[in-house]
Protein backbone atom coordinates (compact mmCIF):
# COMPACT_ATOMS: atom_id res chain seq x y z
CA MET A 1 73.41 33.05 51.44
CA TYR A 2 75.32 33.12 54.47
CA LYS A 3 74.15 30.34 57.16
CA GLU A 4 73.34 31.74 60.43
CA SER A 5 76.23 30.59 62.03
CA GLU A 6 78.59 31.61 59.87
CA VAL A 7 77.22 35.01 60.34
CA LEU A 8 77.77 35.06 63.93
CA GLU A 9 81.28 33.80 63.60
CA LYS A 10 81.99 36.66 61.11
CA PHE A 11 80.58 39.42 63.75
CA LEU A 12 82.38 38.11 66.53
CA LYS A 13 85.53 37.76 64.70
CA ASN A 14 85.44 41.63 63.84
CA VAL A 15 83.33 43.38 65.84
CA PRO A 16 86.05 46.01 68.04
CA ALA A 17 85.21 44.79 71.51
CA GLN A 18 86.49 41.60 73.84
CA ILE A 19 83.53 39.18 73.75
CA VAL A 20 83.68 35.93 75.39
CA LEU A 21 81.41 32.72 76.10
CA LEU A 22 81.45 30.94 79.57
CA ASN A 23 79.98 27.67 80.57
CA GLU A 24 77.85 27.85 84.35
CA ILE A 25 81.43 26.67 86.13
CA GLY A 26 83.11 29.84 84.46
CA GLN A 27 85.17 27.84 81.97
CA TYR A 28 85.94 29.39 78.55
CA GLN A 29 83.64 27.89 75.62
CA TYR A 30 84.67 31.04 73.29
CA ILE A 31 87.43 33.66 72.91
CA SER A 32 87.35 36.15 70.43
CA GLY A 33 90.90 37.60 68.39
CA ASP A 34 90.37 41.17 69.91
CA ALA A 35 90.36 39.64 73.16
CA VAL A 36 93.36 37.19 73.04
CA THR A 37 95.28 38.01 69.76
CA ASN A 38 97.63 35.02 70.09
CA GLN A 39 96.06 32.10 68.21
CA GLU A 40 97.73 29.85 70.37
CA LEU A 41 96.94 30.88 73.80
CA ARG A 42 93.67 31.24 72.47
CA ASN A 43 92.87 27.48 71.85
CA TRP A 44 94.91 26.55 74.79
CA ILE A 45 92.41 28.46 77.41
CA ILE A 46 89.01 27.21 75.91
CA GLY A 47 87.86 24.75 78.84
CA LYS A 48 89.38 26.90 81.32
CA THR A 49 88.98 29.38 83.82
CA ASP A 50 89.79 32.54 84.82
CA PHE A 51 92.26 31.48 87.49
CA GLU A 52 93.79 28.55 85.53
CA TYR A 53 94.65 31.44 83.26
CA CYS A 54 96.35 33.65 86.03
CA ILE A 55 98.11 30.82 87.19
CA GLU A 56 99.56 29.18 84.08
CA LYS A 57 100.65 33.31 83.31
CA ASN A 58 101.79 34.23 86.83
CA LYS A 59 98.86 37.23 86.18
CA PRO A 60 98.06 38.63 90.14
CA ILE A 61 95.32 36.00 91.36
CA GLU A 62 93.13 38.76 92.49
CA ILE A 63 92.13 39.46 88.72
CA ALA A 64 90.57 36.41 88.45
CA GLU A 65 88.53 36.29 92.00
CA LYS A 66 87.15 39.89 90.67
CA ARG A 67 85.83 38.37 87.56
CA ASP A 68 84.50 35.48 89.61
CA PHE A 69 82.82 37.64 91.81
CA TYR A 70 80.90 39.82 89.28
CA PHE A 71 80.04 36.48 87.13
CA LYS A 72 78.69 34.54 90.28
CA LYS A 73 76.52 37.96 90.76
CA ALA A 74 75.17 37.71 86.91
CA LEU A 75 73.98 34.10 87.78
CA GLU A 76 72.49 34.42 90.78
CA THR A 77 70.73 37.53 89.56
CA ARG A 78 70.19 36.27 86.45
CA SER A 79 71.23 39.59 84.71
CA LYS A 80 73.70 41.73 83.50
CA THR A 81 76.81 42.70 85.83
CA SER A 82 79.37 44.95 84.82
CA PHE A 83 82.47 46.00 86.57
CA ASN A 84 85.75 48.48 86.03
CA GLU A 85 89.45 46.45 85.53
CA VAL A 86 92.74 47.75 85.42
CA ILE A 87 95.32 45.44 83.23
CA ILE A 88 99.06 46.19 83.40
CA ASN A 89 101.24 45.40 80.18
CA ASN A 90 104.75 46.22 79.59
CA GLY A 91 104.87 48.77 82.88
CA ILE A 92 101.53 50.77 80.77
CA SER A 93 97.95 50.78 82.62
CA PHE A 94 95.09 49.82 80.39
CA LYS A 95 91.53 50.22 81.84
CA PHE A 96 88.80 48.10 80.75
CA GLU A 97 84.56 48.25 81.53
CA ARG A 98 83.96 44.17 81.70
CA ILE A 99 80.44 43.02 81.48
CA TYR A 100 78.62 39.54 82.32
CA MET A 101 75.45 38.76 80.35
CA PRO A 102 74.07 35.50 81.21
CA VAL A 103 71.63 33.74 78.21
CA TYR A 104 69.23 31.31 79.30
CA ASN A 105 66.71 28.98 76.76
CA THR A 106 63.20 28.61 76.40
CA ASP A 107 63.04 26.67 79.27
CA ASN A 108 64.81 28.80 81.45
CA ASN A 109 67.91 27.24 81.84
CA LEU A 110 71.22 28.80 81.52
CA GLU A 111 73.11 28.17 78.08
CA TYR A 112 75.97 30.17 78.41
CA VAL A 113 77.39 33.76 79.67
CA ILE A 114 78.51 36.44 77.04
CA GLY A 115 81.34 38.19 78.57
CA TYR A 116 82.49 41.35 76.66
CA GLY A 117 84.75 44.67 77.16
CA PHE A 118 85.83 47.89 75.78
CA ASP A 119 88.94 49.14 75.96
CA ASN A 120 88.22 52.79 77.59
CA THR A 121 91.62 54.18 78.66
CA GLU A 122 91.40 57.26 76.42
CA ALA A 123 88.07 58.19 78.60
CA LYS A 124 89.03 57.44 81.36
CA ASP A 125 92.17 59.75 81.12
CA ASN A 126 90.69 62.67 79.91
CA GLU A 127 87.87 61.98 83.20
CA VAL A 128 90.62 62.35 85.43
CA ALA A 129 92.25 64.95 83.57
CA LEU A 130 89.06 67.00 83.15
CA GLN A 131 88.33 66.17 86.67
CA ILE A 132 91.92 67.60 87.97
CA PHE A 133 91.65 71.00 85.65
CA LYS A 134 88.37 71.25 86.76
CA GLU A 135 89.55 71.07 90.41
CA ALA A 136 92.48 73.42 89.61
CA ILE A 137 90.13 75.59 88.55
CA GLU A 138 87.26 75.83 91.31
CA ASN A 139 90.30 75.97 93.93
CA SER A 140 92.31 78.91 92.31
CA SER A 141 92.62 82.22 93.97
CA ASP A 142 91.52 83.89 90.83
CA GLY A 143 88.21 84.25 89.29
CA ILE A 144 87.65 81.83 86.36
CA ALA A 145 84.56 81.91 83.84
CA PHE A 146 83.71 80.67 80.56
CA CYS A 147 81.21 82.57 77.76
CA ASP A 148 79.65 81.30 74.87
CA THR A 149 79.93 82.60 71.81
CA GLU A 150 76.82 85.31 72.43
CA GLY A 151 78.96 86.31 75.45
CA LYS A 152 76.77 84.33 78.13
CA TYR A 153 78.24 82.56 81.00
CA TYR A 154 77.94 78.84 81.12
CA TYR A 155 80.48 78.02 83.97
CA MET A 156 82.08 80.10 86.34
CA ASN A 157 84.11 79.04 89.86
CA LYS A 158 83.12 80.40 92.74
CA VAL A 159 85.66 83.11 93.38
CA HIS A 160 84.03 84.87 90.11
CA ALA A 161 81.19 84.43 91.28
CA SER A 162 82.21 86.20 95.29
CA ILE A 163 84.23 88.83 93.40
CA PHE A 164 80.52 90.11 92.12
CA ASP A 165 78.84 89.19 95.21
CA TYR A 166 76.83 86.88 94.00
CA LYS A 167 76.29 83.68 96.42
CA LYS A 168 76.47 80.83 93.74
CA PRO A 169 77.71 80.60 90.10
CA GLU A 170 74.26 79.17 88.95
CA GLU A 171 73.07 82.99 89.63
CA LEU A 172 74.78 84.19 86.15
CA TYR A 173 74.08 81.03 84.18
CA GLY A 174 72.91 82.06 81.31
CA LEU A 175 73.35 85.97 81.41
CA GLY A 176 75.59 88.12 79.61
CA TRP A 177 79.12 89.66 80.69
CA GLU A 178 77.26 93.22 80.26
CA ILE A 179 75.71 92.48 83.51
CA LEU A 180 78.63 93.15 85.42
CA TYR A 181 79.45 96.24 84.15
CA ASP A 182 78.17 100.36 83.87
CA ASN A 183 77.45 101.08 80.74
CA GLU A 184 80.53 103.83 80.07
CA GLU A 185 82.80 100.65 80.99
CA ILE A 186 80.55 98.36 78.67
CA GLU A 187 81.20 100.76 75.57
CA ARG A 188 84.86 100.85 76.34
CA LEU A 189 85.32 97.41 76.28
CA LYS A 190 83.49 97.32 73.29
CA ASN A 191 85.34 99.97 71.13
CA GLU A 192 88.73 99.75 72.76
CA VAL A 193 89.35 95.95 74.13
CA PHE A 194 86.94 93.64 71.61
CA PRO A 195 88.72 94.64 68.19
CA ILE A 196 92.96 94.09 70.18
CA LEU A 197 91.22 90.66 71.31
CA GLY A 198 89.77 89.46 68.00
CA LYS A 199 93.25 90.31 66.66
CA GLU A 200 95.50 88.75 68.86
CA LYS A 201 93.33 86.30 71.08
CA VAL A 202 94.85 87.17 74.10
CA TRP A 203 94.24 90.47 76.26
CA HIS A 204 95.62 91.54 79.25
CA GLY A 205 94.46 94.55 81.45
CA GLU A 206 92.46 96.49 84.27
CA THR A 207 88.55 97.10 83.96
CA ILE A 208 86.22 98.40 86.79
CA GLY A 209 83.20 96.07 86.98
CA LYS A 210 80.19 96.63 89.44
CA THR A 211 78.76 93.90 91.91
CA LYS A 212 75.25 92.50 92.41
CA THR A 213 74.62 95.39 95.20
CA GLY A 214 76.56 98.16 92.93
CA ARG A 215 79.56 98.15 94.24
CA ILE A 216 82.45 99.52 92.25
CA VAL A 217 85.13 96.70 91.78
CA HIS A 218 88.72 97.06 90.29
CA GLN A 219 89.86 94.18 87.67
CA TYR A 220 93.12 92.93 86.60
CA ILE A 221 91.53 90.51 83.68
CA SER A 222 93.12 88.39 81.14
CA LEU A 223 90.42 87.49 78.07
CA THR A 224 91.46 84.41 76.24
CA ILE A 225 89.51 83.45 72.50
CA LEU A 226 89.35 79.54 72.77
CA PRO A 227 89.66 77.51 69.49
CA ASN A 228 85.91 76.98 70.08
CA ALA A 229 85.69 80.56 69.85
CA HIS A 230 84.32 80.85 73.46
CA LEU A 231 86.13 83.17 75.76
CA LEU A 232 88.11 82.40 79.00
CA CYS A 233 87.92 85.39 81.33
CA ILE A 234 90.52 84.89 84.39
CA THR A 235 89.60 88.15 86.38
CA ARG A 236 91.51 89.31 90.38
CA ASP A 237 90.05 91.58 92.65
CA ILE A 238 92.55 95.00 93.09
CA SER A 239 90.11 96.89 94.48
CA GLU A 240 92.26 97.00 97.87
CA SER A 241 95.71 97.34 96.33
CA ILE A 242 93.71 100.76 94.31
CA LYS A 243 92.69 101.64 98.00
CA THR A 244 95.86 101.58 99.08
CA LEU A 245 98.20 103.15 96.33
CA ILE A 246 95.95 106.48 97.14
CA LEU A 247 96.03 106.33 100.76
CA GLN A 248 99.94 106.43 100.31
CA ARG A 249 99.78 109.23 98.06
CA LYS A 250 97.32 110.72 100.60
CA PHE A 251 99.90 109.70 103.59
CA THR A 252 102.62 110.60 101.62
CA LYS A 253 100.97 114.22 100.78
CA ALA A 254 100.70 114.76 104.61
CA ILE A 255 103.94 114.07 105.55
CA GLU A 256 104.80 116.52 102.36
CA LEU A 257 103.11 118.82 104.85
CA SER A 258 104.07 118.38 108.05
CA GLY A 259 107.13 120.83 107.86
CA THR A 260 109.52 117.95 109.00
CA CYS A 261 111.99 115.60 107.77
CA ILE A 262 110.92 111.76 107.94
CA ILE A 263 113.32 109.40 106.51
CA MET A 264 112.46 105.41 106.25
CA LEU A 265 115.84 103.24 106.65
CA ASP A 266 116.17 99.24 106.43
CA LYS A 267 117.65 96.84 109.19
CA ASN A 268 121.11 97.92 107.47
CA GLY A 269 120.09 101.71 107.71
CA GLU A 270 120.23 102.25 103.97
CA LEU A 271 117.04 104.44 102.87
CA GLU A 272 114.35 102.85 101.48
CA TRP A 273 111.89 106.79 101.75
CA GLY A 274 112.80 110.04 102.45
CA ASN A 275 110.11 112.93 102.45
CA LYS A 276 110.81 116.05 100.22
CA TYR A 277 112.06 117.87 103.22
CA PHE A 278 114.50 115.43 103.77
CA TYR A 279 116.14 116.12 100.23
CA GLU A 280 115.93 119.86 100.49
CA ILE A 281 117.56 120.30 103.59
CA THR A 282 120.45 117.42 103.01
CA GLN A 283 120.82 118.82 99.29
CA LEU A 284 120.94 114.95 98.15
CA ASN A 285 119.86 112.86 95.65
CA ILE A 286 119.53 109.62 95.02
CA GLU A 287 122.99 108.87 93.69
CA ASP A 288 124.77 110.91 96.49
CA ILE A 289 123.01 109.08 98.80
CA CYS A 290 124.51 105.51 97.66
CA ARG A 291 128.07 107.07 98.64
CA TYR A 292 127.08 107.89 102.79
CA LYS A 293 125.99 105.60 105.38
CA LEU A 294 122.88 107.21 106.82
CA LEU A 295 123.07 106.07 110.03
CA THR A 296 125.78 105.40 112.72
CA PHE A 297 125.43 105.00 116.35
CA GLN A 298 128.30 106.41 118.41
CA LYS A 299 128.70 107.71 122.31
CA THR A 300 129.37 111.38 122.32
CA GLU A 301 133.46 110.41 122.74
CA ASN A 302 133.47 109.31 119.51
CA GLN A 303 132.38 111.54 117.48
CA ASN A 304 135.47 112.52 115.63
CA THR A 305 135.30 108.80 113.71
CA LYS A 306 133.92 108.33 110.53
CA ARG A 307 130.07 109.16 110.29
CA GLY A 308 127.08 108.79 108.71
CA ILE A 309 125.15 111.58 107.11
CA ILE A 310 122.75 110.94 111.21
CA HIS A 311 124.89 110.99 113.54
CA LEU A 312 123.51 110.66 117.23
CA LEU A 313 125.29 111.90 120.25
CA GLU A 314 124.06 109.28 122.86
CA HIS A 315 122.59 106.28 121.92
CA ASP A 316 123.05 102.97 123.95
CA GLY A 317 121.77 100.55 121.80
CA PHE A 318 118.11 100.61 119.31
CA SER A 319 116.22 98.23 121.59
CA SER A 320 113.97 101.36 122.15
CA ALA A 321 112.63 104.86 120.90
CA HIS A 322 115.35 107.19 121.36
CA ILE A 323 114.72 111.43 121.56
CA GLY A 324 117.25 113.61 121.88
CA LYS A 325 119.64 115.78 119.56
CA ALA A 326 121.74 114.51 116.72
CA ILE A 327 124.10 116.21 113.97
CA LEU A 328 122.48 115.54 110.17
CA THR A 329 126.01 116.06 107.88
CA THR A 330 124.50 117.96 104.34
CA ALA A 331 126.20 117.34 100.80
CA ASN A 332 128.71 119.93 101.31
CA GLY A 333 129.49 119.14 105.15
CA LEU A 334 127.33 121.39 106.46
CA GLU A 335 126.56 120.12 109.95
CA ILE A 336 122.82 120.83 111.07
CA SER A 337 121.44 120.37 115.10
CA MET A 338 117.94 118.30 114.89
CA LEU A 339 115.81 117.26 117.42
CA ILE A 340 115.36 113.57 116.88
CA SER A 341 112.69 111.01 117.15
CA LEU A 342 114.27 107.36 116.19
CA ASN A 343 112.21 104.66 116.31
CA THR A 344 113.19 100.86 115.64
CA ILE A 345 110.33 98.63 113.50
CA PHE A 346 110.24 94.65 114.39
CA ASP A 347 108.46 92.24 112.62
CA ASP A 348 105.86 89.48 114.27
CA HIS A 349 109.03 87.72 114.99
CA GLY A 350 110.62 90.57 116.90
CA LYS A 351 113.56 90.85 114.31
CA LEU A 352 114.98 94.03 113.20
CA ASN A 353 113.30 95.31 110.01
CA GLY A 354 114.18 98.98 110.07
CA TYR A 355 113.85 102.59 111.40
CA VAL A 356 111.86 105.59 111.40
CA ILE A 357 112.96 108.58 112.09
CA VAL A 358 111.40 111.75 112.42
CA GLN A 359 113.92 115.53 112.99
CA MET A 360 113.14 118.64 113.39
CA ASP A 361 115.75 121.80 112.48
CA ILE A 362 116.36 123.44 115.91
CA SER A 363 119.72 124.85 114.57
CA SER A 364 118.40 128.23 114.74
CA MET A 365 117.20 128.62 118.06
CA GLU A 366 120.54 126.53 119.45
CA ALA A 367 121.77 130.22 117.16
CA THR A 368 119.56 132.30 119.37
CA GLN A 369 120.24 130.51 122.72
CA MET A 370 124.01 130.83 122.31
CA GLN A 371 123.95 134.78 121.39
CA ILE A 372 121.56 135.35 124.04
CA ILE A 373 124.26 133.43 126.64
CA ASN A 374 127.05 135.32 125.18
CA SER A 375 125.56 138.97 125.75
CA LEU A 376 124.33 138.31 129.19
CA LYS A 377 126.95 139.65 132.25
CA SER A 378 125.86 137.57 135.48
CA ILE A 379 124.91 133.90 135.98
CA SER A 380 121.47 135.72 137.04
CA GLU A 381 120.93 137.09 133.84
CA ILE A 382 122.03 133.90 132.24
CA ASN A 383 119.03 131.13 134.17
CA GLU A 384 116.46 134.12 133.83
CA PHE A 385 116.69 134.50 129.83
CA LYS A 386 117.60 130.37 129.51
CA THR A 387 114.16 129.83 131.53
CA GLN A 388 112.67 132.68 129.08
CA LEU A 389 113.84 130.92 126.07
CA ILE A 390 112.78 127.28 127.41
CA SER A 391 109.31 128.92 127.34
CA VAL A 392 109.47 130.59 124.01
CA VAL A 393 110.99 127.70 122.09
CA SER A 394 108.08 125.56 124.16
CA HIS A 395 105.78 127.35 122.83
CA GLU A 396 106.88 127.66 119.19
CA LEU A 397 107.21 123.92 119.01
CA ARG A 398 103.64 123.66 120.21
CA THR A 399 102.62 124.81 116.67
CA PRO A 400 104.20 122.17 114.33
CA ILE A 401 103.61 118.94 116.91
CA ALA A 402 99.70 120.37 117.10
CA ALA A 403 99.61 120.35 113.05
CA ILE A 404 101.53 116.94 113.12
CA GLN A 405 99.13 115.59 115.30
CA ILE A 406 96.25 116.67 112.85
CA TYR A 407 97.36 115.16 109.76
CA SER A 408 98.17 112.33 112.09
CA ASP A 409 94.12 112.02 113.51
CA ILE A 410 93.09 112.25 109.66
CA MET A 411 95.74 109.35 108.52
CA LYS A 412 94.49 107.24 111.54
CA GLN A 413 91.11 107.71 110.78
CA GLN A 414 91.42 106.79 107.06
CA PHE A 415 93.16 104.26 107.97
CA HIS A 416 90.53 102.70 109.92
CA ASN A 417 87.90 103.38 107.27
CA ASP A 418 89.77 101.60 104.46
CA LYS A 419 90.76 98.66 106.78
CA ILE A 420 94.42 99.09 105.78
CA SER A 421 97.72 96.79 105.97
CA ASP A 422 98.84 96.92 109.92
CA LYS A 423 101.85 98.22 108.62
CA TYR A 424 100.48 101.77 108.05
CA ASN A 425 98.76 101.16 111.64
CA ARG A 426 101.70 100.81 113.24
CA TYR A 427 103.78 103.53 112.05
CA ILE A 428 101.09 106.11 112.51
CA ASP A 429 101.04 104.46 116.37
CA ILE A 430 104.66 105.14 116.21
CA LEU A 431 104.21 108.61 115.23
CA ASN A 432 101.48 109.35 117.80
CA ASP A 433 103.60 107.55 120.83
CA GLN A 434 105.85 110.31 119.63
CA ILE A 435 103.86 112.87 119.30
CA GLU A 436 102.61 112.29 123.05
CA THR A 437 106.26 111.95 124.55
CA ILE A 438 107.78 115.23 122.72
CA GLY A 439 104.37 117.03 123.78
CA SER A 440 104.68 115.60 127.55
CA ALA A 441 108.42 116.79 127.30
CA LEU A 442 106.98 120.24 126.26
CA ASP A 443 104.79 120.36 129.16
CA SER A 444 107.37 119.77 131.30
CA PHE A 445 109.77 122.50 129.73
CA LEU A 446 106.56 125.39 129.98
CA THR A 447 105.78 124.05 133.89
CA LEU A 448 109.98 124.46 134.36
CA GLY A 449 109.70 128.17 132.98
CA LYS A 450 106.62 129.09 135.03
CA LEU A 451 108.48 127.69 138.44
CA ASN A 452 111.62 129.80 137.65
CA THR A 453 110.19 132.95 136.86
CA ASN A 454 107.57 132.65 139.81
CA ASN A 455 104.50 132.69 137.27
CA PHE A 456 102.84 129.77 138.68
CA THR A 457 99.93 130.24 140.98
CA VAL A 458 98.26 128.13 143.26
CA ASN A 459 94.09 128.36 143.62
CA LYS A 460 93.22 125.72 145.82
CA GLN A 461 89.44 124.78 145.43
CA PRO A 462 87.05 121.78 147.05
CA GLU A 463 87.76 118.69 145.50
CA LYS A 464 87.62 115.25 146.07
CA PRO A 465 91.40 113.53 145.89
CA VAL A 466 89.74 110.16 144.71
CA GLU A 467 87.36 111.17 142.30
CA LEU A 468 90.79 113.19 140.14
CA ILE A 469 92.49 109.77 140.64
CA SER A 470 89.87 107.71 139.48
CA ASN A 471 89.14 110.14 136.19
CA TYR A 472 92.48 110.50 135.35
CA LEU A 473 92.98 106.21 135.49
CA GLN A 474 90.31 105.96 133.41
CA SER A 475 91.32 108.50 130.85
CA SER A 476 94.95 107.43 130.52
CA LYS A 477 96.29 104.98 127.67
CA LEU A 478 98.45 103.48 131.02
CA LEU A 479 94.74 101.06 131.25
CA ALA A 480 95.48 99.91 127.71
CA ASN A 481 98.25 98.65 128.61
CA LYS A 482 97.08 94.59 129.61
CA THR A 483 100.59 93.14 130.42
CA ARG A 484 100.45 95.61 133.59
CA THR A 485 98.00 95.59 136.69
CA ILE A 486 97.47 98.88 137.95
CA THR A 487 95.42 98.79 141.59
CA PHE A 488 93.80 101.98 143.32
CA ASP A 489 92.76 101.42 146.82
CA TYR A 490 91.51 104.23 149.54
CA ASN A 491 89.61 104.40 152.86
CA GLN A 492 87.43 107.74 152.03
CA SER A 493 86.38 110.11 149.81
CA ASN A 494 86.72 113.24 151.65
CA THR A 495 86.62 116.83 150.54
CA TYR A 496 89.50 118.92 150.94
CA PRO A 497 90.96 122.56 149.78
CA LEU A 498 92.92 122.23 146.77
CA ASP A 499 94.44 123.11 143.05
CA SER A 500 93.48 119.90 140.91
CA THR A 501 95.44 121.07 138.05
CA VAL A 502 98.46 120.99 140.48
CA PHE A 503 97.90 117.77 141.95
CA LEU A 504 97.72 116.28 138.78
CA ILE A 505 100.53 117.23 137.39
CA ILE A 506 101.84 115.39 140.29
CA PHE A 507 100.18 112.94 140.53
CA LYS A 508 100.97 112.18 136.28
CA ASN A 509 104.08 112.53 136.87
CA LEU A 510 104.80 109.57 139.67
CA ILE A 511 102.56 107.25 137.47
CA GLU A 512 104.39 108.05 134.28
CA ASN A 513 107.70 107.64 136.65
CA ALA A 514 106.67 104.33 137.90
CA HIS A 515 105.40 103.02 134.14
CA LYS A 516 108.28 104.06 132.79
CA TYR A 517 110.88 102.58 135.21
CA SER A 518 109.68 99.29 135.66
CA SER A 519 108.68 96.14 133.38
CA PRO A 520 105.73 96.12 131.68
CA THR A 521 104.72 92.99 133.52
CA LYS A 522 105.06 94.95 136.56
CA PRO A 523 101.94 95.97 138.97
CA ILE A 524 101.29 99.74 139.95
CA HIS A 525 100.11 100.24 143.70
CA ILE A 526 98.43 103.68 144.30
CA ASN A 527 96.97 104.37 147.90
CA LEU A 528 94.90 106.76 148.95
CA THR A 529 94.60 107.78 152.81
CA GLY A 530 93.25 110.31 155.01
CA SER A 531 91.50 111.85 157.96
CA GLU A 532 89.24 115.05 157.95
CA THR A 533 92.01 117.66 157.73
CA GLU A 534 94.69 116.38 155.01
CA PHE A 535 95.54 113.04 152.88
CA SER A 536 98.45 111.71 152.00
CA VAL A 537 98.97 109.71 148.10
CA SER A 538 101.41 107.47 147.53
CA VAL A 539 102.23 105.49 143.94
CA GLN A 540 104.67 102.53 144.21
CA ASP A 541 106.57 100.83 141.65
CA PHE A 542 108.46 96.97 141.42
CA GLY A 543 111.04 98.47 139.38
CA ILE A 544 114.62 99.33 139.04
CA GLY A 545 114.85 101.62 141.97
CA ILE A 546 117.43 104.28 142.89
CA PRO A 547 120.40 103.77 144.20
CA GLU A 548 120.93 105.23 148.33
CA ASN A 549 123.75 107.20 147.54
CA GLU A 550 122.06 109.29 145.00
CA GLN A 551 118.76 109.61 146.70
CA HIS A 552 119.46 112.81 148.37
CA LYS A 553 119.79 114.09 144.48
CA ILE A 554 117.01 113.25 142.60
CA PHE A 555 114.86 116.66 142.91
CA SER A 556 117.54 118.41 141.40
CA GLN A 557 116.79 120.14 138.15
CA PHE A 558 118.28 117.85 135.09
CA PHE A 559 119.49 115.28 137.49
CA ARG A 560 118.51 111.42 136.46
CA ALA A 561 119.65 108.29 138.51
CA SER A 562 123.01 106.30 137.36
CA ASN A 563 121.43 103.10 136.94
CA THR A 564 118.49 104.67 134.19
CA GLY A 565 120.57 103.59 130.97
CA THR A 566 118.62 103.50 127.63
CA ILE A 567 115.56 105.02 129.40
CA SER A 568 114.86 108.14 127.49
CA GLY A 569 114.35 111.18 130.11
CA TYR A 570 115.23 114.82 130.75
CA GLY A 571 115.41 114.72 134.89
CA LEU A 572 112.64 117.18 135.59
CA GLY A 573 109.54 115.04 136.68
CA LEU A 574 111.15 115.24 139.83
CA HIS A 575 111.97 118.51 140.22
CA ILE A 576 108.69 119.65 139.27
CA ILE A 577 106.74 117.31 141.23
CA ASN A 578 108.62 118.83 144.45
CA SER A 579 108.76 122.22 143.48
CA LEU A 580 104.81 122.12 143.06
CA ALA A 581 104.25 120.27 146.48
CA LYS A 582 106.36 122.83 148.30
CA LEU A 583 104.21 125.50 146.33
CA HIS A 584 101.05 123.34 147.71
CA ASN A 585 102.53 123.10 151.23
CA ALA A 586 102.54 119.71 150.36
CA GLN A 587 105.60 117.42 151.47
CA ILE A 588 106.91 114.31 149.36
CA PHE A 589 108.54 111.12 150.85
CA LEU A 590 110.65 108.55 148.94
CA ASN A 591 111.37 105.01 150.14
CA SER A 592 113.39 102.94 147.10
CA LYS A 593 115.46 99.75 147.43
CA ILE A 594 117.60 99.10 144.19
CA ASN A 595 115.40 96.58 142.03
CA VAL A 596 113.08 96.48 144.29
CA GLY A 597 111.38 99.31 143.24
CA SER A 598 110.27 103.15 144.20
CA THR A 599 106.94 104.08 146.60
CA PHE A 600 106.79 108.33 146.31
CA THR A 601 104.10 109.70 148.93
CA ILE A 602 102.76 113.34 148.93
CA LYS A 603 101.10 114.20 151.96
CA PHE A 604 98.65 117.29 151.52
């Protein structure tokens, strides 16, 4: 039989652990071959401490200090202590778990301290890798889940749970994947998807799930069968993308039905999108368009130079919207007169993104106008027919403008309900602004037509000017401009004989002029004063002003001051104001200075 000492010695030599014995002051009494493989070094270290070992072998003294701390702690507590240690050999890190165990004799005196350690480098590395993997799953923007062989969830990240309106992943643990689908989709997955998954081990595609509250969720998912036959599911909610696609189709359909030519260009003037009417009127296809420069900005005097499909007759730059007449050149060289609204699109940083252009064919209207003008013999007849033509054209344009407004309102409401991206809302806002601008221009032409044909009547009724002004300001979009301050001061609220329609046309034109010809950050002051029998309204802006040598012409029809630059307009507003003031037996006064501002006062 083996002696006990022989068995112990063989055990210490062959056990797969680093085992040492130390005395009460930390000197090595025994060290196993697994702890130190070199026999010469093992012989040398007997009777030495860790401090002596680190000094002799040029090891970091911190190793000895850490071992000494836990060695003394084991003696103080008379119990086992453990700690983790990292040793670097030849540039490679090894991770160990160290344990000190004091052993006492029957007299309760210390005999020796057993020290043993285990190399858990691989386990620690696997633990770190597993933690990194878990962090990656938890921080993924996609939903990730694992199912066992029975199809029941046993792990998922928060994103996967939130896609289906569950607050915590644990709510789904132990439940089958079928809980996230209705019966029809479950059958489709089992009959169409799972056979492919079973064969290929991987499947990608779209599914329709349902949330905890029954809401439909459109998903793009990736399914993978793992080596242990478990199922990995990675899912992404594409519901908003589906809604956007549907809305785009509605948007496109509405524009196709609008009866206008609409195109979108990039910042280089190259076509990004055009509606059906654009291709019909230009007789172009995609291949043809690649040969054209679609947009050319030129002044009237440069008309004979090479130009693109759309040639603006007058345009002083593209930092703001432009409304006016343009020439559209078709594939066979035919030039068509168009009423055009061009809008520049900028990103949030003020950089040019592209253009949105809305056009209406007015060539037939122009041809009719020329026929009428050529057939008339006298200037008075020409003026009378021009006035009639303006009225007719203005009335005719009302119908397509109203149709565009209806479709715009429908799209705006749909965009609001579906919370679609700001990009499409900006397009609709631009469209609405241009509809309003064209509508305002048509109102001016209709009013001018009535004035020129003496069809405008004044019907005075008891009215309070202060209420008319206040109500208009409350309903006007001008108050939505947060950068501009509009003040209204008055010293009375008397009633006067007044045609409210005439008064509001005059006041509206004055306010819009103040808004148009002054910076958005400059204020507008409105002042109402009066006595028992008469009153005055003044509108003051701090804008570009009117040159003194041109002030005597500002009430002329179609006259625009020389300093208006690229600000759009037709030169009708002040002419209409002056004409209506005369019909109402009112007087208009002007006080203006260049770059200081203008004050218009109407005395009723």
